[in-house]
Protein backbone atom coordinates (compact mmCIF):
# COMPACT_ATOMS: atom_id res chain seq x y z
CA MET A 1 -29.73 95.76 -18.53
CA GLN A 2 -30.52 92.06 -18.46
CA PRO A 3 -34.04 90.97 -19.32
CA HIS A 4 -36.19 89.45 -16.60
CA ASP A 5 -35.48 85.76 -15.97
CA ASP A 6 -38.84 84.63 -17.37
CA ASP A 7 -38.32 86.66 -20.53
CA PHE A 8 -34.81 85.29 -20.86
CA LEU A 9 -36.05 81.71 -20.46
CA ASP A 10 -38.75 82.28 -23.06
CA LEU A 11 -36.24 83.73 -25.50
CA VAL A 12 -33.72 80.89 -25.18
CA THR A 13 -36.37 78.17 -25.09
CA ASP A 14 -38.10 79.42 -28.22
CA ARG A 15 -34.84 79.59 -30.16
CA LEU A 16 -33.62 76.16 -29.03
CA ALA A 17 -37.00 74.51 -29.52
CA GLY A 18 -37.02 75.74 -33.10
CA LEU A 19 -33.85 73.86 -34.03
CA PRO A 20 -34.41 70.94 -36.44
CA THR A 21 -35.08 67.54 -34.75
CA VAL A 22 -35.31 69.06 -31.25
CA ASP A 23 -38.29 67.56 -29.39
CA ALA A 24 -37.73 69.00 -25.91
CA VAL A 25 -35.76 71.67 -24.06
CA ALA A 26 -34.96 71.55 -20.34
CA LEU A 27 -33.28 73.79 -17.79
CA GLY A 28 -30.73 72.03 -15.60
CA GLY A 29 -28.07 72.65 -13.02
CA SER A 30 -28.41 75.05 -10.12
CA ARG A 31 -30.97 77.16 -12.00
CA ALA A 32 -33.34 74.20 -12.08
CA SER A 33 -32.73 73.16 -8.47
CA GLY A 34 -32.98 76.69 -7.08
CA THR A 35 -29.46 76.59 -5.61
CA HIS A 36 -27.97 79.11 -8.04
CA ARG A 37 -26.08 82.30 -7.31
CA PRO A 38 -26.76 85.52 -9.22
CA ASP A 39 -23.72 84.84 -11.41
CA SER A 40 -24.44 81.15 -12.04
CA ASP A 41 -24.46 79.84 -15.59
CA TRP A 42 -27.67 78.86 -17.33
CA ASP A 43 -27.63 75.19 -18.31
CA PHE A 44 -29.98 74.05 -21.07
CA ALA A 45 -30.34 70.58 -22.57
CA ILE A 46 -31.77 70.04 -26.03
CA TYR A 47 -33.31 66.61 -26.57
CA TYR A 48 -33.36 65.64 -30.20
CA ARG A 49 -34.66 62.65 -32.14
CA GLY A 50 -32.69 61.62 -35.20
CA PRO A 51 -29.73 63.51 -36.67
CA PHE A 52 -28.83 66.85 -35.10
CA ALA A 53 -26.65 69.43 -36.82
CA PRO A 54 -24.54 71.64 -34.51
CA ASP A 55 -24.47 74.20 -37.33
CA SER A 56 -28.12 74.92 -36.59
CA LEU A 57 -27.11 76.04 -33.08
CA ARG A 58 -24.26 78.12 -34.48
CA ALA A 59 -26.71 79.75 -36.87
CA LEU A 60 -28.55 81.34 -33.94
CA GLY A 61 -25.67 83.82 -33.85
CA TRP A 62 -24.92 83.64 -30.13
CA PRO A 63 -21.20 84.27 -29.46
CA GLY A 64 -19.18 81.44 -28.00
CA GLU A 65 -18.04 77.94 -28.85
CA VAL A 66 -20.21 75.15 -30.28
CA SER A 67 -18.80 71.64 -30.43
CA GLU A 68 -19.49 68.87 -32.89
CA LEU A 69 -21.44 65.83 -31.72
CA GLY A 70 -19.15 63.86 -29.43
CA GLY A 71 -16.96 66.91 -28.86
CA TRP A 72 -17.02 66.62 -25.07
CA GLY A 73 -15.55 63.16 -24.81
CA GLY A 74 -17.73 61.11 -27.12
CA GLY A 75 -19.76 59.38 -24.39
CA VAL A 76 -23.04 60.27 -22.72
CA PHE A 77 -21.80 63.87 -22.48
CA ASN A 78 -21.80 64.14 -26.24
CA GLY A 79 -21.15 67.81 -26.78
CA GLY A 80 -22.81 71.19 -26.71
CA GLY A 81 -22.06 74.88 -26.61
CA TRP A 82 -20.56 77.46 -24.26
CA LEU A 83 -22.35 80.63 -25.27
CA GLU A 84 -23.27 84.15 -24.23
CA VAL A 85 -26.86 85.30 -24.58
CA ASP A 86 -27.92 88.78 -23.44
CA ASP A 87 -24.77 89.09 -21.29
CA ARG A 88 -25.43 85.76 -19.56
CA ARG A 89 -23.31 82.62 -19.70
CA VAL A 90 -25.29 79.81 -21.28
CA ASP A 91 -24.31 76.16 -21.60
CA VAL A 92 -26.23 74.04 -24.10
CA HIS A 93 -25.96 70.26 -23.83
CA TYR A 94 -26.78 67.85 -26.65
CA ARG A 95 -28.98 64.94 -25.57
CA ASP A 96 -29.90 62.24 -28.10
CA LEU A 97 -33.31 60.92 -27.02
CA ASP A 98 -32.60 57.43 -28.34
CA ASP A 99 -29.41 57.32 -26.26
CA VAL A 100 -31.11 58.77 -23.17
CA GLU A 101 -33.94 56.26 -23.38
CA HIS A 102 -31.40 53.44 -23.70
CA HIS A 103 -29.60 54.52 -20.52
CA LEU A 104 -32.93 54.92 -18.74
CA ALA A 105 -33.84 51.32 -19.59
CA GLU A 106 -30.39 50.15 -18.51
CA ALA A 107 -30.61 52.03 -15.19
CA GLN A 108 -33.97 50.47 -14.44
CA GLU A 109 -32.27 47.08 -14.66
CA GLY A 110 -29.33 48.21 -12.52
CA ARG A 111 -26.89 48.38 -15.40
CA PHE A 112 -24.50 51.26 -16.11
CA HIS A 113 -20.90 52.07 -16.96
CA ILE A 114 -18.49 54.77 -15.85
CA GLU A 115 -16.78 57.16 -18.25
CA ARG A 116 -13.87 59.50 -17.85
CA LEU A 117 -14.84 63.17 -18.22
CA LEU A 118 -12.77 66.30 -17.81
CA PHE A 119 -13.20 68.04 -14.43
CA HIS A 120 -14.58 64.87 -12.72
CA LEU A 121 -12.30 62.97 -10.35
CA ALA A 122 -14.29 59.74 -10.27
CA GLY A 123 -15.66 59.95 -13.80
CA ILE A 124 -19.37 59.96 -14.59
CA PRO A 125 -21.89 57.12 -14.56
CA SER A 126 -23.90 56.57 -17.72
CA TYR A 127 -27.05 57.09 -15.65
CA ILE A 128 -26.14 60.76 -15.31
CA VAL A 129 -28.48 61.50 -18.24
CA VAL A 130 -31.26 59.75 -16.30
CA ALA A 131 -30.44 61.86 -13.24
CA GLU A 132 -30.86 64.94 -15.42
CA LEU A 133 -34.35 63.82 -16.40
CA ALA A 134 -35.23 63.50 -12.73
CA GLY A 135 -34.00 66.96 -11.80
CA ASN A 136 -34.33 69.16 -14.87
CA ARG A 137 -37.16 71.62 -15.45
CA VAL A 138 -38.83 70.89 -18.77
CA LEU A 139 -39.38 74.11 -20.73
CA HIS A 140 -40.63 72.67 -24.02
CA GLY A 141 -42.01 69.28 -24.99
CA THR A 142 -42.39 66.29 -22.68
CA LEU A 143 -39.77 64.13 -20.98
CA PRO A 144 -39.96 61.27 -18.47
CA ARG A 145 -39.25 62.03 -14.81
CA PRO A 146 -37.88 58.79 -13.40
CA ASP A 147 -37.62 57.72 -9.77
CA TYR A 148 -34.38 56.12 -8.63
CA PRO A 149 -34.61 52.43 -9.61
CA GLU A 150 -34.26 49.93 -6.76
CA LYS A 151 -31.95 47.73 -8.84
CA LEU A 152 -29.69 50.70 -9.51
CA LYS A 153 -29.43 51.55 -5.81
CA GLU A 154 -27.87 48.17 -5.09
CA ALA A 155 -25.74 47.92 -8.22
CA ALA A 156 -24.35 51.45 -8.13
CA ARG A 157 -23.62 51.35 -4.41
CA GLY A 158 -21.66 48.13 -4.81
CA ARG A 159 -19.81 49.17 -7.96
CA TRP A 160 -18.75 52.57 -6.68
CA TRP A 161 -17.58 51.24 -3.31
CA SER A 162 -15.65 48.42 -5.00
CA GLU A 163 -13.81 50.97 -7.14
CA ALA A 164 -13.12 53.13 -4.07
CA GLU A 165 -11.65 50.16 -2.20
CA LEU A 166 -9.48 49.19 -5.13
CA THR A 167 -8.25 52.77 -5.50
CA LEU A 168 -7.37 52.98 -1.81
CA GLY A 169 -5.58 49.64 -1.98
CA TYR A 170 -3.51 50.82 -4.91
CA ALA A 171 -2.82 54.13 -3.16
CA ARG A 172 -1.50 52.20 -0.18
CA SER A 173 0.81 49.84 -2.06
CA ALA A 174 1.93 51.98 -4.99
CA TYR A 175 2.14 55.40 -3.37
CA ALA A 176 1.81 55.60 0.39
CA GLU A 177 4.26 52.83 1.25
CA ARG A 178 6.83 54.64 -0.92
CA GLY A 179 6.16 57.99 0.73
CA LEU A 180 4.68 59.61 -2.41
CA LEU A 181 2.45 62.31 -0.93
CA THR A 182 1.06 63.98 -4.06
CA GLU A 183 -0.01 60.70 -5.66
CA THR A 184 -1.53 59.51 -2.37
CA VAL A 185 -3.58 62.69 -1.98
CA GLY A 186 -4.86 62.41 -5.55
CA ALA A 187 -5.86 58.78 -5.12
CA VAL A 188 -7.60 59.41 -1.80
CA GLY A 189 -9.52 62.34 -3.31
CA THR A 190 -10.64 60.14 -6.19
CA ALA A 191 -11.66 57.32 -3.84
CA THR A 192 -13.62 59.81 -1.74
CA CYS A 193 -15.70 60.85 -4.73
CA MET A 194 -16.30 57.19 -5.58
CA ALA A 195 -17.39 56.48 -2.01
CA ALA A 196 -19.67 59.52 -2.10
CA HIS A 197 -21.33 58.11 -5.21
CA ALA A 198 -21.82 54.85 -3.31
CA VAL A 199 -23.43 56.62 -0.35
CA LEU A 200 -25.85 58.61 -2.51
CA ALA A 201 -26.72 55.60 -4.67
CA GLY A 202 -27.59 53.67 -1.53
CA ARG A 203 -29.91 56.49 -0.51
CA GLY A 204 -31.46 56.65 -3.97
CA GLU A 205 -30.29 60.22 -4.56
CA TRP A 206 -29.42 61.27 -8.11
CA VAL A 207 -26.03 62.82 -8.90
CA THR A 208 -25.38 65.03 -11.93
CA ASN A 209 -21.89 66.32 -11.08
CA GLU A 210 -19.22 66.33 -8.36
CA LYS A 211 -19.59 69.94 -7.22
CA ARG A 212 -21.40 69.13 -3.94
CA LEU A 213 -20.88 65.38 -4.02
CA VAL A 214 -18.63 65.07 -0.97
CA ASP A 215 -20.79 67.36 1.17
CA ARG A 216 -24.03 65.63 0.18
CA ALA A 217 -22.54 62.30 1.21
CA GLY A 218 -21.42 63.65 4.59
CA LEU A 219 -17.73 63.07 3.85
CA ARG A 220 -16.28 66.53 4.43
CA ASP A 221 -14.23 65.14 7.34
CA ILE A 222 -11.91 63.82 4.66
CA ASP A 223 -10.37 67.29 4.57
CA GLY A 224 -8.83 66.63 7.95
CA VAL A 225 -7.34 63.38 6.69
CA LEU A 226 -5.88 65.03 3.60
CA SER A 227 -4.24 67.75 5.70
CA GLY A 228 -1.82 65.16 7.07
CA ARG A 229 1.68 64.72 5.69
CA GLU A 230 2.20 61.01 6.33
CA PRO A 231 0.91 59.13 3.26
CA LEU A 232 0.38 55.69 4.85
CA ALA A 233 -1.55 57.11 7.80
CA MET A 234 -3.60 59.16 5.34
CA VAL A 235 -4.71 56.05 3.43
CA GLU A 236 -5.52 54.11 6.61
CA GLN A 237 -7.61 56.95 8.04
CA ALA A 238 -9.35 57.56 4.72
CA SER A 239 -10.19 53.85 4.37
CA ALA A 240 -11.77 53.78 7.83
CA LEU A 241 -13.77 56.96 7.24
CA LEU A 242 -15.07 55.96 3.82
CA GLN A 243 -15.91 52.40 4.81
CA SER A 244 -17.90 53.68 7.78
CA ALA A 245 -19.72 56.22 5.60
CA VAL A 246 -20.76 53.70 2.96
CA ALA A 247 -21.92 51.22 5.62
CA SER A 248 -24.01 53.87 7.39
CA GLY A 249 -25.27 55.75 4.35
CA GLY A 250 -23.20 58.78 5.28
CA GLU A 251 -24.72 59.17 8.73
CA GLY A 252 -22.23 59.94 11.46
CA ALA A 253 -19.12 59.34 9.38
CA GLY A 254 -15.95 60.55 11.05
CA VAL A 255 -12.42 59.73 12.05
């Protein structure tokens, strides 16, 4: 029998908040946005100031895997734990407050970079940790809740669409013109996610992962393009669809 959600949240929050150097604990993902399913994971972020020891998380005794700092790629996604608590799947994400505040300041000036991360086609923008602040539910401590910076809207829209265009151009010359279907499909899928980032940045909508990225940007018509078997036609149709979507903010995109 699982404990009530509120009791479960209190239990996990109290234990995480008690870890050395942890200033704040937040609930993220679908549980924070209210879009979860009954079997959805529970995503927690621990915001620490100063050195954090992953052994302190291991010492809580929850079964699962706890990474070292930097264990999930070494960038803004700097590690965490995949755990089980009271028969529920729990993800704990490490968030260094000094690093988060740096990326917040950068985002406010329209500056960011893109990092490769497992399971993400387009990679992740460094402002993803700022997006988390905007959408997470703070359970312990205090955290800023930023609006989408105007400078970031312009910069991110332009950067993401530029990368999408370059990817489509390479797909055309390196893959499609040689009849390489698998490589063309992969490149078009990646460019679609990049274009979706551009659409949502232009709208001033935060993105924390790619799970609903294409749908949120109104680009699901790309499925029809990818069902084709002629690589060059696929790239041409995808280019037209994505360019139209970015220009219109995702309204009325189609082929």
